[in-house]
Amino acid sequence: MFSNDWHAGHEPELIKHFQKGNKHAFGKLYDIYAPTLLGVIQRIVKDDKISDTLLQKSFMEIWNKRDNYESSKERFFNWMFKITRSIAISESQNKNRNAGVEIQNTQTLVNGSKLEDTITVKNKNINGIKAVIREDEQRSALDLVYYSGYTFAQAANQLKIPLDTLSLNVKMAIKTLKEATIK
């Protein structure tokens, strides 16, 4: 049905057959796009074992949502990319929530300052952090940025505070954590 000498001109035909539930066409699309989508996942989660699992999860989601793709709205790769990226980000956010706070010495804050040391608070849930960081603004900022996976801009918007204030709150929370872990 589909030859091994696939080229970009065949993509619309492959997609049409894929949307009709043709597993051979889906396999061909997997062969074409899996390496690129795996690279997207690896950049987000930075763990090869999890990346392989997420790639499979992404393609299952792509298969299950095949009727939702509309070629008039976006390119097929962009549609697959958004599904894959969403799954990887979701996994990354879950991993961040469960892993504790770990800030490496290369972490750069919004205003360009760098943290001098590594801070690790492992196996402590957010309630343990609340006991250490008493200021609600600092705790909220740290929670959004490091536990919920928000960017600084998203967190500032969510908290309805300026970006500089958020940055300061995160820095102060990290300083408090650092002092608590040194003791």
N, C-alpha and C. Protein backbone atom coordinates (compact mmCIF):
# COMPACT_ATOMS: atom_id res chain seq x y z
N MET A 1 0.82 -1.18 0.00
CA MET A 1 0.00 0.00 0.00
C MET A 1 0.87 1.25 0.00
N PHE A 2 1.82 1.35 0.95
CA PHE A 2 2.73 2.49 1.02
C PHE A 2 4.13 1.97 0.81
N SER A 3 4.81 2.55 -0.13
CA SER A 3 6.16 2.07 -0.41
C SER A 3 7.15 2.62 0.60
N ASN A 4 8.33 2.02 0.62
CA ASN A 4 9.38 2.46 1.53
C ASN A 4 10.04 3.75 1.07
N ASP A 5 9.81 4.16 -0.17
CA ASP A 5 10.42 5.39 -0.67
C ASP A 5 9.47 6.58 -0.46
N TRP A 6 9.04 6.73 0.79
CA TRP A 6 8.13 7.80 1.16
C TRP A 6 8.79 9.15 0.95
N HIS A 7 8.03 10.11 0.49
CA HIS A 7 8.50 11.48 0.43
C HIS A 7 7.35 12.41 0.80
N ALA A 8 7.67 13.66 1.03
CA ALA A 8 6.70 14.62 1.57
C ALA A 8 5.42 14.70 0.75
N GLY A 9 5.47 14.42 -0.51
CA GLY A 9 4.28 14.47 -1.35
C GLY A 9 3.24 13.44 -0.98
N HIS A 10 3.64 12.37 -0.30
CA HIS A 10 2.71 11.33 0.11
C HIS A 10 2.03 11.61 1.45
N GLU A 11 2.49 12.63 2.17
CA GLU A 11 1.96 12.88 3.51
C GLU A 11 0.44 13.04 3.53
N PRO A 12 -0.16 13.82 2.65
CA PRO A 12 -1.63 13.96 2.70
C PRO A 12 -2.35 12.62 2.55
N GLU A 13 -1.81 11.75 1.69
CA GLU A 13 -2.42 10.42 1.51
C GLU A 13 -2.27 9.58 2.78
N LEU A 14 -1.08 9.62 3.37
CA LEU A 14 -0.86 8.89 4.64
C LEU A 14 -1.80 9.39 5.72
N ILE A 15 -1.94 10.68 5.83
CA ILE A 15 -2.80 11.27 6.86
C ILE A 15 -4.25 10.88 6.64
N LYS A 16 -4.68 10.91 5.39
CA LYS A 16 -6.06 10.53 5.08
C LYS A 16 -6.33 9.09 5.50
N HIS A 17 -5.40 8.18 5.19
CA HIS A 17 -5.56 6.77 5.57
C HIS A 17 -5.46 6.60 7.09
N PHE A 18 -4.56 7.34 7.71
CA PHE A 18 -4.41 7.31 9.16
C PHE A 18 -5.71 7.72 9.84
N GLN A 19 -6.33 8.80 9.35
CA GLN A 19 -7.57 9.28 9.96
C GLN A 19 -8.72 8.28 9.78
N LYS A 20 -8.62 7.43 8.78
CA LYS A 20 -9.62 6.39 8.58
C LYS A 20 -9.34 5.15 9.42
N GLY A 21 -8.24 5.19 10.19
CA GLY A 21 -7.93 4.08 11.09
C GLY A 21 -6.98 3.06 10.51
N ASN A 22 -6.29 3.40 9.43
CA ASN A 22 -5.34 2.47 8.81
C ASN A 22 -4.07 2.41 9.64
N LYS A 23 -3.83 1.26 10.24
CA LYS A 23 -2.68 1.11 11.14
C LYS A 23 -1.35 1.10 10.38
N HIS A 24 -1.36 0.67 9.14
CA HIS A 24 -0.12 0.69 8.35
C HIS A 24 0.30 2.15 8.09
N ALA A 25 -0.67 2.99 7.76
CA ALA A 25 -0.37 4.42 7.54
C ALA A 25 0.12 5.04 8.85
N PHE A 26 -0.49 4.67 9.96
CA PHE A 26 -0.07 5.17 11.26
C PHE A 26 1.37 4.73 11.56
N GLY A 27 1.69 3.49 11.23
CA GLY A 27 3.05 2.99 11.42
C GLY A 27 4.05 3.78 10.59
N LYS A 28 3.68 4.10 9.37
CA LYS A 28 4.56 4.89 8.50
C LYS A 28 4.78 6.29 9.09
N LEU A 29 3.69 6.90 9.58
CA LEU A 29 3.81 8.22 10.20
C LEU A 29 4.67 8.15 11.46
N TYR A 30 4.53 7.07 12.20
CA TYR A 30 5.38 6.87 13.38
C TYR A 30 6.85 6.81 12.98
N ASP A 31 7.14 6.03 11.96
CA ASP A 31 8.53 5.90 11.49
C ASP A 31 9.11 7.25 11.06
N ILE A 32 8.27 8.07 10.47
CA ILE A 32 8.72 9.37 9.96
C ILE A 32 8.94 10.37 11.10
N TYR A 33 7.99 10.44 12.02
CA TYR A 33 7.98 11.52 13.00
C TYR A 33 8.48 11.15 14.40
N ALA A 34 8.56 9.88 14.73
CA ALA A 34 8.95 9.48 16.09
C ALA A 34 10.31 10.05 16.51
N PRO A 35 11.34 9.98 15.67
CA PRO A 35 12.64 10.51 16.12
C PRO A 35 12.59 12.00 16.48
N THR A 36 11.87 12.78 15.70
CA THR A 36 11.77 14.21 15.98
C THR A 36 10.97 14.47 17.25
N LEU A 37 9.85 13.78 17.40
CA LEU A 37 9.02 13.97 18.59
C LEU A 37 9.72 13.47 19.85
N LEU A 38 10.51 12.41 19.71
CA LEU A 38 11.30 11.94 20.85
C LEU A 38 12.28 13.02 21.30
N GLY A 39 12.89 13.71 20.36
CA GLY A 39 13.79 14.81 20.68
C GLY A 39 13.08 15.92 21.44
N VAL A 40 11.85 16.21 21.06
CA VAL A 40 11.05 17.22 21.76
C VAL A 40 10.84 16.80 23.21
N ILE A 41 10.47 15.55 23.40
CA ILE A 41 10.21 15.03 24.75
C ILE A 41 11.48 15.05 25.59
N GLN A 42 12.59 14.62 25.01
CA GLN A 42 13.85 14.56 25.75
C GLN A 42 14.32 15.93 26.21
N ARG A 43 14.04 16.95 25.43
CA ARG A 43 14.42 18.31 25.84
C ARG A 43 13.60 18.79 27.02
N ILE A 44 12.39 18.26 27.17
CA ILE A 44 11.52 18.70 28.25
C ILE A 44 11.75 17.89 29.52
N VAL A 45 11.79 16.55 29.41
CA VAL A 45 11.87 15.73 30.63
C VAL A 45 13.29 15.30 30.99
N LYS A 46 14.21 15.32 30.05
CA LYS A 46 15.62 15.02 30.30
C LYS A 46 15.85 13.66 30.97
N ASP A 47 15.06 12.68 30.58
CA ASP A 47 15.20 11.32 31.11
C ASP A 47 14.82 10.35 29.99
N ASP A 48 15.82 9.60 29.49
CA ASP A 48 15.58 8.74 28.32
C ASP A 48 14.52 7.67 28.55
N LYS A 49 14.51 7.06 29.74
CA LYS A 49 13.52 6.01 30.02
C LYS A 49 12.11 6.58 29.99
N ILE A 50 11.93 7.71 30.64
CA ILE A 50 10.62 8.34 30.65
C ILE A 50 10.27 8.84 29.26
N SER A 51 11.25 9.34 28.53
CA SER A 51 11.02 9.87 27.19
C SER A 51 10.44 8.81 26.26
N ASP A 52 10.99 7.61 26.31
CA ASP A 52 10.48 6.53 25.46
C ASP A 52 9.02 6.20 25.80
N THR A 53 8.73 6.16 27.08
CA THR A 53 7.35 5.88 27.52
C THR A 53 6.42 7.00 27.08
N LEU A 54 6.87 8.23 27.21
CA LEU A 54 6.04 9.37 26.82
C LEU A 54 5.83 9.43 25.31
N LEU A 55 6.82 8.97 24.55
CA LEU A 55 6.65 8.92 23.10
C LEU A 55 5.52 7.96 22.76
N GLN A 56 5.52 6.80 23.40
CA GLN A 56 4.45 5.81 23.15
C GLN A 56 3.10 6.39 23.57
N LYS A 57 3.07 7.05 24.73
CA LYS A 57 1.84 7.67 25.21
C LYS A 57 1.36 8.75 24.23
N SER A 58 2.30 9.51 23.71
CA SER A 58 1.96 10.56 22.75
C SER A 58 1.34 9.97 21.49
N PHE A 59 1.95 8.92 20.97
CA PHE A 59 1.40 8.33 19.75
C PHE A 59 0.05 7.64 20.00
N MET A 60 -0.15 7.14 21.20
CA MET A 60 -1.48 6.59 21.51
C MET A 60 -2.52 7.72 21.52
N GLU A 61 -2.13 8.85 22.08
CA GLU A 61 -3.02 10.01 22.11
C GLU A 61 -3.28 10.52 20.69
N ILE A 62 -2.24 10.54 19.87
CA ILE A 62 -2.38 10.96 18.46
C ILE A 62 -3.36 10.02 17.75
N TRP A 63 -3.20 8.73 17.98
CA TRP A 63 -4.10 7.73 17.36
C TRP A 63 -5.54 7.96 17.84
N ASN A 64 -5.70 8.14 19.14
CA ASN A 64 -7.05 8.30 19.70
C ASN A 64 -7.72 9.61 19.27
N LYS A 65 -6.92 10.62 18.94
CA LYS A 65 -7.47 11.93 18.55
C LYS A 65 -7.38 12.16 17.04
N ARG A 66 -7.17 11.10 16.28
CA ARG A 66 -6.95 11.27 14.84
C ARG A 66 -8.10 11.97 14.13
N ASP A 67 -9.31 11.81 14.64
CA ASP A 67 -10.46 12.47 14.02
C ASP A 67 -10.47 13.98 14.27
N ASN A 68 -9.70 14.44 15.24
CA ASN A 68 -9.68 15.87 15.58
C ASN A 68 -8.77 16.68 14.67
N TYR A 69 -7.87 16.02 13.94
CA TYR A 69 -6.94 16.77 13.10
C TYR A 69 -7.67 17.37 11.91
N GLU A 70 -7.43 18.67 11.69
CA GLU A 70 -8.00 19.38 10.54
C GLU A 70 -6.88 20.05 9.76
N SER A 71 -6.64 19.55 8.57
CA SER A 71 -5.54 20.07 7.76
C SER A 71 -5.73 21.53 7.38
N SER A 72 -6.95 22.01 7.39
CA SER A 72 -7.19 23.42 7.05
C SER A 72 -6.76 24.37 8.17
N LYS A 73 -6.59 23.83 9.39
CA LYS A 73 -6.24 24.67 10.54
C LYS A 73 -4.74 24.68 10.84
N GLU A 74 -4.06 23.55 10.62
CA GLU A 74 -2.63 23.48 10.94
C GLU A 74 -1.98 22.31 10.23
N ARG A 75 -0.66 22.38 10.16
CA ARG A 75 0.10 21.28 9.58
C ARG A 75 0.04 20.08 10.50
N PHE A 76 0.15 18.90 9.94
CA PHE A 76 0.05 17.66 10.70
C PHE A 76 1.13 17.58 11.77
N PHE A 77 2.36 17.93 11.40
CA PHE A 77 3.43 17.86 12.39
C PHE A 77 3.16 18.80 13.56
N ASN A 78 2.67 20.00 13.29
CA ASN A 78 2.37 20.95 14.37
C ASN A 78 1.31 20.39 15.32
N TRP A 79 0.33 19.72 14.76
CA TRP A 79 -0.73 19.10 15.56
C TRP A 79 -0.14 18.01 16.47
N MET A 80 0.71 17.15 15.90
CA MET A 80 1.35 16.10 16.69
C MET A 80 2.29 16.70 17.73
N PHE A 81 3.01 17.75 17.33
CA PHE A 81 3.95 18.42 18.23
C PHE A 81 3.22 18.94 19.47
N LYS A 82 2.06 19.58 19.28
CA LYS A 82 1.32 20.14 20.41
C LYS A 82 0.86 19.04 21.37
N ILE A 83 0.40 17.93 20.84
CA ILE A 83 -0.03 16.80 21.69
C ILE A 83 1.16 16.27 22.47
N THR A 84 2.26 16.04 21.78
CA THR A 84 3.46 15.48 22.40
C THR A 84 4.02 16.44 23.45
N ARG A 85 4.13 17.69 23.12
CA ARG A 85 4.66 18.69 24.05
C ARG A 85 3.79 18.78 25.30
N SER A 86 2.49 18.76 25.13
CA SER A 86 1.57 18.83 26.26
C SER A 86 1.77 17.65 27.21
N ILE A 87 1.92 16.47 26.66
CA ILE A 87 2.13 15.27 27.48
C ILE A 87 3.46 15.36 28.21
N ALA A 88 4.50 15.80 27.53
CA ALA A 88 5.82 15.91 28.15
C ALA A 88 5.84 16.97 29.25
N ILE A 89 5.22 18.10 29.01
CA ILE A 89 5.16 19.16 30.02
C ILE A 89 4.38 18.70 31.23
N SER A 90 3.27 18.03 30.99
CA SER A 90 2.47 17.51 32.09
C SER A 90 3.29 16.55 32.95
N GLU A 91 4.03 15.67 32.32
CA GLU A 91 4.89 14.72 33.05
C GLU A 91 5.98 15.47 33.80
N SER A 92 6.56 16.45 33.16
CA SER A 92 7.62 17.23 33.79
C SER A 92 7.09 17.97 35.02
N GLN A 93 5.91 18.54 34.92
CA GLN A 93 5.31 19.24 36.05
C GLN A 93 5.00 18.28 37.19
N ASN A 94 4.49 17.09 36.86
CA ASN A 94 4.23 16.08 37.89
C ASN A 94 5.52 15.67 38.57
N LYS A 95 6.56 15.49 37.78
CA LYS A 95 7.87 15.09 38.32
C LYS A 95 8.40 16.18 39.25
N ASN A 96 8.27 17.46 38.85
CA ASN A 96 8.73 18.57 39.67
C ASN A 96 7.95 18.65 40.98
N ARG A 97 6.65 18.40 40.93
CA ARG A 97 5.83 18.46 42.12
C ARG A 97 6.24 17.39 43.13
N ASN A 98 6.62 16.23 42.62
CA ASN A 98 6.91 15.09 43.48
C ASN A 98 8.36 14.99 43.91
N ALA A 99 9.24 15.71 43.27
CA ALA A 99 10.67 15.52 43.51
C ALA A 99 11.23 16.38 44.63
N GLY A 100 10.53 17.36 45.09
CA GLY A 100 11.07 18.27 46.08
C GLY A 100 11.67 19.47 45.36
N VAL A 101 12.42 20.26 46.06
CA VAL A 101 13.02 21.44 45.46
C VAL A 101 14.48 21.15 45.24
N GLU A 102 14.93 21.31 44.01
CA GLU A 102 16.35 21.15 43.72
C GLU A 102 16.74 22.25 42.76
N ILE A 103 17.57 23.12 43.19
CA ILE A 103 17.97 24.26 42.39
C ILE A 103 19.47 24.18 42.20
N GLN A 104 19.91 23.98 40.97
CA GLN A 104 21.33 23.82 40.71
C GLN A 104 22.01 25.18 40.64
N ASN A 105 23.33 25.19 40.79
CA ASN A 105 24.07 26.44 40.81
C ASN A 105 24.03 27.17 39.47
N THR A 106 23.54 26.53 38.43
CA THR A 106 23.43 27.20 37.14
C THR A 106 22.07 27.84 36.95
N GLN A 107 21.17 27.66 37.91
CA GLN A 107 19.83 28.23 37.78
C GLN A 107 19.92 29.76 37.75
N THR A 108 19.38 30.35 36.72
CA THR A 108 19.39 31.79 36.59
C THR A 108 18.00 32.33 36.87
N LEU A 109 17.91 33.32 37.71
CA LEU A 109 16.64 33.94 38.01
C LEU A 109 16.34 35.02 36.97
N VAL A 110 15.14 35.55 37.01
CA VAL A 110 14.68 36.51 36.01
C VAL A 110 15.61 37.71 35.88
N ASN A 111 16.07 38.24 36.98
CA ASN A 111 16.87 39.46 36.91
C ASN A 111 18.33 39.19 36.55
N GLY A 112 18.67 37.93 36.23
CA GLY A 112 20.01 37.60 35.77
C GLY A 112 20.95 37.17 36.87
N SER A 113 20.54 37.26 38.13
CA SER A 113 21.44 36.82 39.19
C SER A 113 21.46 35.30 39.23
N LYS A 114 22.55 34.75 39.73
CA LYS A 114 22.68 33.29 39.81
C LYS A 114 22.78 32.88 41.26
N LEU A 115 22.23 31.73 41.55
CA LEU A 115 22.37 31.18 42.89
C LEU A 115 23.78 30.64 43.04
N GLU A 116 24.35 30.80 44.21
CA GLU A 116 25.73 30.39 44.40
C GLU A 116 25.87 28.92 44.72
N ASP A 117 24.91 28.33 45.38
CA ASP A 117 25.04 26.96 45.83
C ASP A 117 23.85 26.13 45.39
N THR A 118 23.98 24.84 45.58
CA THR A 118 22.88 23.93 45.30
C THR A 118 22.05 23.77 46.56
N ILE A 119 20.75 23.84 46.38
CA ILE A 119 19.84 23.63 47.49
C ILE A 119 19.02 22.39 47.18
N THR A 120 18.96 21.47 48.10
CA THR A 120 18.16 20.28 47.89
C THR A 120 17.34 20.01 49.14
N VAL A 121 16.04 19.97 48.96
CA VAL A 121 15.15 19.56 50.03
C VAL A 121 14.37 18.41 49.45
N LYS A 122 14.80 17.20 49.75
CA LYS A 122 14.16 16.02 49.18
C LYS A 122 13.23 15.40 50.20
N ASN A 123 12.23 14.71 49.67
CA ASN A 123 11.28 13.96 50.49
C ASN A 123 10.55 14.84 51.50
N LYS A 124 10.40 16.11 51.16
CA LYS A 124 9.59 16.99 52.00
C LYS A 124 8.41 17.42 51.14
N ASN A 125 7.21 17.29 51.68
CA ASN A 125 6.06 17.75 50.93
C ASN A 125 5.90 19.25 51.15
N ILE A 126 4.91 19.83 50.50
CA ILE A 126 4.73 21.28 50.57
C ILE A 126 4.44 21.72 51.99
N ASN A 127 3.84 20.88 52.83
CA ASN A 127 3.59 21.24 54.22
C ASN A 127 4.89 21.45 54.98
N GLY A 128 5.92 20.66 54.68
CA GLY A 128 7.22 20.85 55.31
C GLY A 128 7.84 22.16 54.89
N ILE A 129 7.67 22.53 53.65
CA ILE A 129 8.18 23.80 53.15
C ILE A 129 7.44 24.94 53.84
N LYS A 130 6.13 24.77 54.05
CA LYS A 130 5.35 25.81 54.71
C LYS A 130 5.86 26.08 56.12
N ALA A 131 6.34 25.06 56.78
CA ALA A 131 6.87 25.25 58.13
C ALA A 131 8.16 26.06 58.11
N VAL A 132 8.93 25.93 57.02
CA VAL A 132 10.20 26.64 56.91
C VAL A 132 9.99 28.06 56.38
N ILE A 133 9.17 28.19 55.35
CA ILE A 133 8.92 29.51 54.73
C ILE A 133 7.61 30.04 55.27
N ARG A 134 7.68 31.00 56.13
CA ARG A 134 6.49 31.51 56.82
C ARG A 134 5.76 32.59 56.03
N GLU A 135 6.44 33.25 55.12
CA GLU A 135 5.82 34.32 54.33
C GLU A 135 4.98 33.71 53.21
N ASP A 136 3.68 34.02 53.18
CA ASP A 136 2.78 33.47 52.18
C ASP A 136 3.19 33.82 50.76
N GLU A 137 3.65 35.07 50.55
CA GLU A 137 4.02 35.51 49.20
C GLU A 137 5.20 34.69 48.68
N GLN A 138 6.17 34.45 49.53
CA GLN A 138 7.35 33.67 49.13
C GLN A 138 6.96 32.22 48.87
N ARG A 139 6.16 31.67 49.73
CA ARG A 139 5.73 30.27 49.59
C ARG A 139 4.91 30.08 48.32
N SER A 140 4.00 31.01 48.05
CA SER A 140 3.18 30.93 46.84
C SER A 140 4.04 31.01 45.59
N ALA A 141 5.01 31.94 45.60
CA ALA A 141 5.89 32.10 44.44
C ALA A 141 6.69 30.82 44.19
N LEU A 142 7.27 30.27 45.25
CA LEU A 142 8.07 29.05 45.13
C LEU A 142 7.20 27.87 44.67
N ASP A 143 6.01 27.79 45.22
CA ASP A 143 5.09 26.71 44.87
C ASP A 143 4.75 26.73 43.38
N LEU A 144 4.42 27.91 42.85
CA LEU A 144 4.05 28.00 41.44
C LEU A 144 5.24 27.72 40.51
N VAL A 145 6.40 28.28 40.85
CA VAL A 145 7.54 28.17 39.95
C VAL A 145 8.18 26.78 39.99
N TYR A 146 8.36 26.22 41.19
CA TYR A 146 9.09 24.96 41.28
C TYR A 146 8.23 23.72 41.43
N TYR A 147 7.04 23.85 42.00
CA TYR A 147 6.19 22.68 42.16
C TYR A 147 5.17 22.55 41.04
N SER A 148 4.68 23.67 40.57
CA SER A 148 3.62 23.62 39.56
C SER A 148 4.14 23.82 38.15
N GLY A 149 5.42 24.13 37.98
CA GLY A 149 6.02 24.24 36.67
C GLY A 149 5.69 25.51 35.91
N TYR A 150 5.23 26.53 36.61
CA TYR A 150 4.94 27.80 35.95
C TYR A 150 6.24 28.49 35.57
N THR A 151 6.21 29.27 34.51
CA THR A 151 7.33 30.16 34.22
C THR A 151 7.21 31.34 35.19
N PHE A 152 8.27 32.12 35.30
CA PHE A 152 8.20 33.29 36.16
C PHE A 152 7.08 34.23 35.71
N ALA A 153 6.96 34.42 34.41
CA ALA A 153 5.92 35.31 33.88
C ALA A 153 4.52 34.79 34.21
N GLN A 154 4.30 33.49 34.04
CA GLN A 154 3.00 32.90 34.35
C GLN A 154 2.68 33.02 35.83
N ALA A 155 3.68 32.76 36.68
CA ALA A 155 3.47 32.85 38.12
C ALA A 155 3.16 34.28 38.55
N ALA A 156 3.88 35.25 37.99
CA ALA A 156 3.62 36.65 38.32
C ALA A 156 2.20 37.04 37.91
N ASN A 157 1.79 36.59 36.75
CA ASN A 157 0.44 36.86 36.27
C ASN A 157 -0.60 36.21 37.19
N GLN A 158 -0.36 34.97 37.57
CA GLN A 158 -1.28 34.23 38.44
C GLN A 158 -1.42 34.92 39.80
N LEU A 159 -0.30 35.39 40.34
CA LEU A 159 -0.31 36.05 41.65
C LEU A 159 -0.64 37.54 41.57
N LYS A 160 -0.74 38.03 40.33
CA LYS A 160 -1.06 39.45 40.09
C LYS A 160 -0.04 40.37 40.77
N ILE A 161 1.24 40.05 40.55
CA ILE A 161 2.33 40.88 41.07
C ILE A 161 3.33 41.12 39.95
N PRO A 162 4.14 42.17 40.07
CA PRO A 162 5.17 42.42 39.05
C PRO A 162 6.21 41.30 39.03
N LEU A 163 6.81 41.12 37.89
CA LEU A 163 7.82 40.08 37.70
C LEU A 163 9.00 40.25 38.67
N ASP A 164 9.43 41.48 38.89
CA ASP A 164 10.54 41.74 39.82
C ASP A 164 10.19 41.31 41.24
N THR A 165 8.94 41.56 41.64
CA THR A 165 8.50 41.17 42.98
C THR A 165 8.48 39.65 43.11
N LEU A 166 7.99 38.98 42.07
CA LEU A 166 8.00 37.52 42.09
C LEU A 166 9.42 37.00 42.21
N SER A 167 10.33 37.56 41.42
CA SER A 167 11.73 37.14 41.46
C SER A 167 12.31 37.31 42.86
N LEU A 168 12.02 38.43 43.48
CA LEU A 168 12.50 38.69 44.83
C LEU A 168 11.91 37.68 45.83
N ASN A 169 10.61 37.40 45.70
CA ASN A 169 9.97 36.43 46.59
C ASN A 169 10.58 35.04 46.44
N VAL A 170 10.87 34.63 45.22
CA VAL A 170 11.50 33.33 44.99
C VAL A 170 12.90 33.31 45.59
N LYS A 171 13.66 34.37 45.35
CA LYS A 171 15.02 34.44 45.91
C LYS A 171 15.00 34.38 47.43
N MET A 172 14.07 35.09 48.06
CA MET A 172 13.98 35.08 49.52
C MET A 172 13.56 33.70 50.03
N ALA A 173 12.65 33.04 49.32
CA ALA A 173 12.22 31.70 49.72
C ALA A 173 13.39 30.72 49.61
N ILE A 174 14.17 30.85 48.56
CA ILE A 174 15.33 29.98 48.38
C ILE A 174 16.37 30.24 49.47
N LYS A 175 16.53 31.50 49.77
CA LYS A 175 17.49 31.84 50.84
C LYS A 175 17.05 31.22 52.17
N THR A 176 15.75 31.30 52.46
CA THR A 176 15.22 30.71 53.69
C THR A 176 15.41 29.19 53.69
N LEU A 177 15.14 28.56 52.55
CA LEU A 177 15.35 27.11 52.44
C LEU A 177 16.82 26.76 52.62
N LYS A 178 17.66 27.54 52.01
CA LYS A 178 19.10 27.30 52.12
C LYS A 178 19.54 27.36 53.58
N GLU A 179 19.10 28.39 54.27
CA GLU A 179 19.46 28.53 55.68
C GLU A 179 18.91 27.36 56.51
N ALA A 180 17.72 26.88 56.16
CA ALA A 180 17.12 25.76 56.89
C ALA A 180 17.86 24.45 56.63
N THR A 181 18.40 24.29 55.42
CA THR A 181 19.08 23.02 55.10
C THR A 181 20.50 23.00 55.62
N ILE A 182 21.10 24.15 55.88
CA ILE A 182 22.46 24.20 56.39
C ILE A 182 22.48 23.82 57.88
N LYS A 183 21.40 24.13 58.59
CA LYS A 183 21.34 23.87 60.03
C LYS A 183 21.37 22.39 60.34
